């Protein structure tokens, strides 16, 4: 089988950041998939599932209510490797285009206080798996260490050594 593009990225050199994972044409429009990488793969501990689940609920809710971007949001969800999230947006976009949006989103998560949206048995398939304090801590760390000092190395996938 042919290796899918996301498995051709050198994860041993990948830094935390925002990356364009792929662009697809759907019904005449471009859909951009972003890799919102919160952890350095294979070098940092992965996100705790409860924290990542809470980030998913809070970020998805925030993004779908953002006045500037709500109509372009297609999907927000966690990576299976627990090192970040995927964001799918309508439009032909670059990583730099969404830095302010990600800064607002993760600041919202970092400052959130209250009931987690959708964290009830009738709303969620695993409603007990949430960790708001850890989600806030991880979001704050991502904002201060990555988003507030974003550089080209955090916006473009590293070249793979052949």
C-alpha atoms as a PDB file:
ATOM      1  CA  UNK A   1       0.000   0.000   0.000  1.00  0.00           C
ATOM      2  CA  UNK A   2       1.086   3.541  -0.680  1.00  0.00           C
ATOM      3  CA  UNK A   3       2.074   5.514   2.425  1.00  0.00           C
ATOM      4  CA  UNK A   4      -0.359   8.353   3.144  1.00  0.00           C
ATOM      5  CA  UNK A   5       1.146  11.872   3.148  1.00  0.00           C
ATOM      6  CA  UNK A   6       0.887  12.439   6.913  1.00  0.00           C
ATOM      7  CA  UNK A   7       3.100   9.384   7.469  1.00  0.00           C
ATOM      8  CA  UNK A   8       5.826  10.874   5.271  1.00  0.00           C
ATOM      9  CA  UNK A   9       6.512  13.771   7.685  1.00  0.00           C
ATOM     10  CA  UNK A  10       9.654  13.250   9.763  1.00  0.00           C
ATOM     11  CA  UNK A  11       8.045  13.149  13.190  1.00  0.00           C
ATOM     12  CA  UNK A  12      11.467  12.934  14.850  1.00  0.00           C
ATOM     13  CA  UNK A  13      12.176  16.507  13.696  1.00  0.00           C
ATOM     14  CA  UNK A  14       8.662  17.931  13.934  1.00  0.00           C
ATOM     15  CA  UNK A  15       8.248  20.836  16.347  1.00  0.00           C
ATOM     16  CA  UNK A  16       5.145  22.156  18.044  1.00  0.00           C
ATOM     17  CA  UNK A  17       3.276  24.535  15.753  1.00  0.00           C
ATOM     18  CA  UNK A  18       0.656  24.947  13.051  1.00  0.00           C
ATOM     19  CA  UNK A  19       1.165  23.132   9.765  1.00  0.00           C
ATOM     20  CA  UNK A  20      -0.772  22.721   6.535  1.00  0.00           C
ATOM     21  CA  UNK A  21      -1.231  18.966   6.420  1.00  0.00           C
ATOM     22  CA  UNK A  22      -3.092  18.878   3.107  1.00  0.00           C
ATOM     23  CA  UNK A  23      -5.383  20.748   0.743  1.00  0.00           C
ATOM     24  CA  UNK A  24      -8.292  19.071  -0.984  1.00  0.00           C
ATOM     25  CA  UNK A  25     -10.724  20.238  -3.634  1.00  0.00           C
ATOM     26  CA  UNK A  26     -14.301  19.576  -2.542  1.00  0.00           C
ATOM     27  CA  UNK A  27     -17.177  20.758  -4.704  1.00  0.00           C
ATOM     28  CA  UNK A  28     -15.043  23.408  -6.368  1.00  0.00           C
ATOM     29  CA  UNK A  29     -13.726  24.794  -3.075  1.00  0.00           C
ATOM     30  CA  UNK A  30     -10.454  24.166  -1.288  1.00  0.00           C
ATOM     31  CA  UNK A  31     -10.502  22.572   2.151  1.00  0.00           C
ATOM     32  CA  UNK A  32      -7.292  23.085   4.130  1.00  0.00           C
ATOM     33  CA  UNK A  33      -6.403  20.561   6.822  1.00  0.00           C
ATOM     34  CA  UNK A  34      -4.178  21.914   9.579  1.00  0.00           C
ATOM     35  CA  UNK A  35      -1.976  19.947  11.947  1.00  0.00           C
ATOM     36  CA  UNK A  36      -2.209  21.822  15.266  1.00  0.00           C
ATOM     37  CA  UNK A  37       0.794  20.186  16.932  1.00  0.00           C
ATOM     38  CA  UNK A  38       0.904  20.725  20.697  1.00  0.00           C
ATOM     39  CA  UNK A  39       3.655  18.215  21.554  1.00  0.00           C
ATOM     40  CA  UNK A  40       6.926  17.253  19.892  1.00  0.00           C
ATOM     41  CA  UNK A  41       6.285  13.681  18.737  1.00  0.00           C
ATOM     42  CA  UNK A  42       8.458  10.984  20.295  1.00  0.00           C
ATOM     43  CA  UNK A  43      10.275  13.558  22.444  1.00  0.00           C
ATOM     44  CA  UNK A  44       7.601  14.846  24.829  1.00  0.00           C
ATOM     45  CA  UNK A  45       4.919  12.991  26.733  1.00  0.00           C
ATOM     46  CA  UNK A  46       1.663  12.907  24.783  1.00  0.00           C
ATOM     47  CA  UNK A  47      -1.364  14.866  25.910  1.00  0.00           C
ATOM     48  CA  UNK A  48      -3.415  13.157  28.595  1.00  0.00           C
ATOM     49  CA  UNK A  49      -6.635  11.818  27.013  1.00  0.00           C
ATOM     50  CA  UNK A  50      -8.832  13.711  29.513  1.00  0.00           C
ATOM     51  CA  UNK A  51      -7.078  17.006  28.772  1.00  0.00           C
ATOM     52  CA  UNK A  52      -7.217  16.435  25.015  1.00  0.00           C
ATOM     53  CA  UNK A  53     -10.907  15.526  25.194  1.00  0.00           C
ATOM     54  CA  UNK A  54     -11.630  18.738  27.103  1.00  0.00           C
ATOM     55  CA  UNK A  55      -9.582  20.781  24.616  1.00  0.00           C
ATOM     56  CA  UNK A  56     -11.626  19.166  21.845  1.00  0.00           C
ATOM     57  CA  UNK A  57     -14.944  20.182  23.412  1.00  0.00           C
ATOM     58  CA  UNK A  58     -13.844  23.721  24.259  1.00  0.00           C
ATOM     59  CA  UNK A  59     -11.994  24.478  21.019  1.00  0.00           C
ATOM     60  CA  UNK A  60     -14.731  23.034  18.792  1.00  0.00           C
ATOM     61  CA  UNK A  61     -17.350  25.085  20.627  1.00  0.00           C
ATOM     62  CA  UNK A  62     -15.238  28.243  20.479  1.00  0.00           C
ATOM     63  CA  UNK A  63     -14.382  27.857  16.786  1.00  0.00           C
ATOM     64  CA  UNK A  64     -17.959  27.189  15.713  1.00  0.00           C
ATOM     65  CA  UNK A  65     -18.991  30.377  17.504  1.00  0.00           C
ATOM     66  CA  UNK A  66     -16.126  32.629  16.343  1.00  0.00           C
ATOM     67  CA  UNK A  67     -17.767  35.522  14.443  1.00  0.00           C
ATOM     68  CA  UNK A  68     -14.968  35.756  11.864  1.00  0.00           C
ATOM     69  CA  UNK A  69     -14.374  32.043  11.186  1.00  0.00           C
ATOM     70  CA  UNK A  70     -17.540  30.115  12.183  1.00  0.00           C
ATOM     71  CA  UNK A  71     -18.788  29.677   8.618  1.00  0.00           C
ATOM     72  CA  UNK A  72     -15.437  28.226   7.517  1.00  0.00           C
ATOM     73  CA  UNK A  73     -15.018  25.629  10.273  1.00  0.00           C
ATOM     74  CA  UNK A  74     -15.527  22.074   9.037  1.00  0.00           C
ATOM     75  CA  UNK A  75     -13.949  19.974  11.776  1.00  0.00           C
ATOM     76  CA  UNK A  76     -11.817  20.132  14.917  1.00  0.00           C
ATOM     77  CA  UNK A  77     -10.660  16.909  16.536  1.00  0.00           C
ATOM     78  CA  UNK A  78      -7.808  15.137  18.303  1.00  0.00           C
ATOM     79  CA  UNK A  79      -5.001  13.193  16.646  1.00  0.00           C
ATOM     80  CA  UNK A  80      -4.870   9.517  17.461  1.00  0.00           C
ATOM     81  CA  UNK A  81      -1.235   9.892  18.588  1.00  0.00           C
ATOM     82  CA  UNK A  82      -2.363  12.390  21.268  1.00  0.00           C
ATOM     83  CA  UNK A  83       0.148  15.064  20.216  1.00  0.00           C
ATOM     84  CA  UNK A  84      -2.301  17.599  18.811  1.00  0.00           C
ATOM     85  CA  UNK A  85      -5.451  18.254  16.830  1.00  0.00           C
ATOM     86  CA  UNK A  86      -6.667  18.539  13.267  1.00  0.00           C
ATOM     87  CA  UNK A  87      -8.547  21.588  12.051  1.00  0.00           C
ATOM     88  CA  UNK A  88     -10.293  21.546   8.683  1.00  0.00           C
ATOM     89  CA  UNK A  89     -11.248  24.912   7.229  1.00  0.00           C
ATOM     90  CA  UNK A  90     -13.015  25.959   4.054  1.00  0.00           C
ATOM     91  CA  UNK A  91     -10.570  27.981   1.975  1.00  0.00           C
ATOM     92  CA  UNK A  92      -7.082  27.889   0.502  1.00  0.00           C
ATOM     93  CA  UNK A  93      -5.156  28.971   3.589  1.00  0.00           C
ATOM     94  CA  UNK A  94      -1.629  29.059   4.976  1.00  0.00           C
ATOM     95  CA  UNK A  95      -0.475  28.274   8.495  1.00  0.00           C
ATOM     96  CA  UNK A  96       0.218  31.937   9.196  1.00  0.00           C
ATOM     97  CA  UNK A  97      -3.385  32.829   8.241  1.00  0.00           C
ATOM     98  CA  UNK A  98      -4.760  31.103  11.334  1.00  0.00           C
ATOM     99  CA  UNK A  99      -2.208  32.024  14.005  1.00  0.00           C
ATOM    100  CA  UNK A 100      -4.458  34.759  15.486  1.00  0.00           C
ATOM    101  CA  UNK A 101      -7.415  32.364  15.465  1.00  0.00           C
ATOM    102  CA  UNK A 102      -5.399  29.664  17.248  1.00  0.00           C
ATOM    103  CA  UNK A 103      -4.098  32.199  19.770  1.00  0.00           C
ATOM    104  CA  UNK A 104      -7.704  33.224  20.571  1.00  0.00           C
ATOM    105  CA  UNK A 105      -8.885  29.604  20.669  1.00  0.00           C
ATOM    106  CA  UNK A 106      -6.195  28.354  23.014  1.00  0.00           C
ATOM    107  CA  UNK A 107      -6.472  31.480  25.191  1.00  0.00           C
ATOM    108  CA  UNK A 108     -10.178  30.708  25.518  1.00  0.00           C
ATOM    109  CA  UNK A 109      -9.335  27.164  26.648  1.00  0.00           C
ATOM    110  CA  UNK A 110      -6.613  28.414  29.029  1.00  0.00           C
ATOM    111  CA  UNK A 111      -9.018  30.877  30.683  1.00  0.00           C
ATOM    112  CA  UNK A 112     -12.158  28.743  30.632  1.00  0.00           C
ATOM    113  CA  UNK A 113     -13.998  28.342  33.911  1.00  0.00           C
ATOM    114  CA  UNK A 114     -17.321  26.592  34.186  1.00  0.00           C
ATOM    115  CA  UNK A 115     -19.130  23.591  32.834  1.00  0.00           C
ATOM    116  CA  UNK A 116     -17.474  22.013  29.809  1.00  0.00           C
ATOM    117  CA  UNK A 117     -19.852  22.280  26.833  1.00  0.00           C
ATOM    118  CA  UNK A 118     -21.215  18.884  25.848  1.00  0.00           C
ATOM    119  CA  UNK A 119     -19.826  17.081  28.899  1.00  0.00           C
ATOM    120  CA  UNK A 120     -23.044  15.316  29.820  1.00  0.00           C
ATOM    121  CA  UNK A 121     -24.056  11.699  29.181  1.00  0.00           C
ATOM    122  CA  UNK A 122     -26.727  12.708  26.665  1.00  0.00           C
ATOM    123  CA  UNK A 123     -24.215  14.860  24.719  1.00  0.00           C
ATOM    124  CA  UNK A 124     -20.971  12.859  24.716  1.00  0.00           C
ATOM    125  CA  UNK A 125     -19.953   9.228  24.300  1.00  0.00           C
ATOM    126  CA  UNK A 126     -17.331   9.408  27.045  1.00  0.00           C
ATOM    127  CA  UNK A 127     -18.524  12.294  29.177  1.00  0.00           C
ATOM    128  CA  UNK A 128     -16.515  11.330  32.271  1.00  0.00           C
ATOM    129  CA  UNK A 129     -13.156  11.540  30.453  1.00  0.00           C
ATOM    130  CA  UNK A 130     -12.458  15.247  30.990  1.00  0.00           C
ATOM    131  CA  UNK A 131      -9.689  17.111  32.763  1.00  0.00           C
ATOM    132  CA  UNK A 132     -10.275  20.872  32.716  1.00  0.00           C
ATOM    133  CA  UNK A 133      -7.295  21.858  34.918  1.00  0.00           C
ATOM    134  CA  UNK A 134      -4.884  19.931  32.688  1.00  0.00           C
ATOM    135  CA  UNK A 135      -6.549  21.216  29.503  1.00  0.00           C
ATOM    136  CA  UNK A 136      -6.114  24.772  30.766  1.00  0.00           C
ATOM    137  CA  UNK A 137      -2.472  24.102  31.662  1.00  0.00           C
ATOM    138  CA  UNK A 138      -1.683  22.567  28.241  1.00  0.00           C
ATOM    139  CA  UNK A 139      -3.457  25.403  26.389  1.00  0.00           C
ATOM    140  CA  UNK A 140      -1.622  28.078  28.394  1.00  0.00           C
ATOM    141  CA  UNK A 141       1.714  26.332  27.709  1.00  0.00           C
ATOM    142  CA  UNK A 142       0.951  26.149  23.963  1.00  0.00           C
ATOM    143  CA  UNK A 143       0.059  29.843  23.811  1.00  0.00           C
ATOM    144  CA  UNK A 144       3.082  31.070  25.753  1.00  0.00           C
ATOM    145  CA  UNK A 145       5.715  28.709  24.348  1.00  0.00           C
ATOM    146  CA  UNK A 146       4.530  28.360  20.744  1.00  0.00           C
ATOM    147  CA  UNK A 147       1.807  30.736  19.568  1.00  0.00           C
ATOM    148  CA  UNK A 148       3.179  33.887  21.223  1.00  0.00           C
ATOM    149  CA  UNK A 149       6.601  33.313  19.642  1.00  0.00           C
ATOM    150  CA  UNK A 150       5.671  31.538  16.424  1.00  0.00           C
ATOM    151  CA  UNK A 151       8.496  31.227  13.866  1.00  0.00           C
ATOM    152  CA  UNK A 152       8.809  29.744  10.395  1.00  0.00           C
ATOM    153  CA  UNK A 153      10.050  26.456  11.907  1.00  0.00           C
ATOM    154  CA  UNK A 154       6.666  26.165  13.645  1.00  0.00           C
ATOM    155  CA  UNK A 155       4.719  26.825  10.436  1.00  0.00           C
ATOM    156  CA  UNK A 156       6.396  24.630   7.818  1.00  0.00           C
ATOM    157  CA  UNK A 157       6.945  20.885   8.025  1.00  0.00           C
ATOM    158  CA  UNK A 158      10.632  19.918   8.290  1.00  0.00           C
ATOM    159  CA  UNK A 159      12.227  18.492   5.155  1.00  0.00           C
ATOM    160  CA  UNK A 160      12.631  14.744   5.340  1.00  0.00           C
ATOM    161  CA  UNK A 161      16.155  13.402   4.940  1.00  0.00           C
ATOM    162  CA  UNK A 162      16.198  10.849   2.151  1.00  0.00           C
END
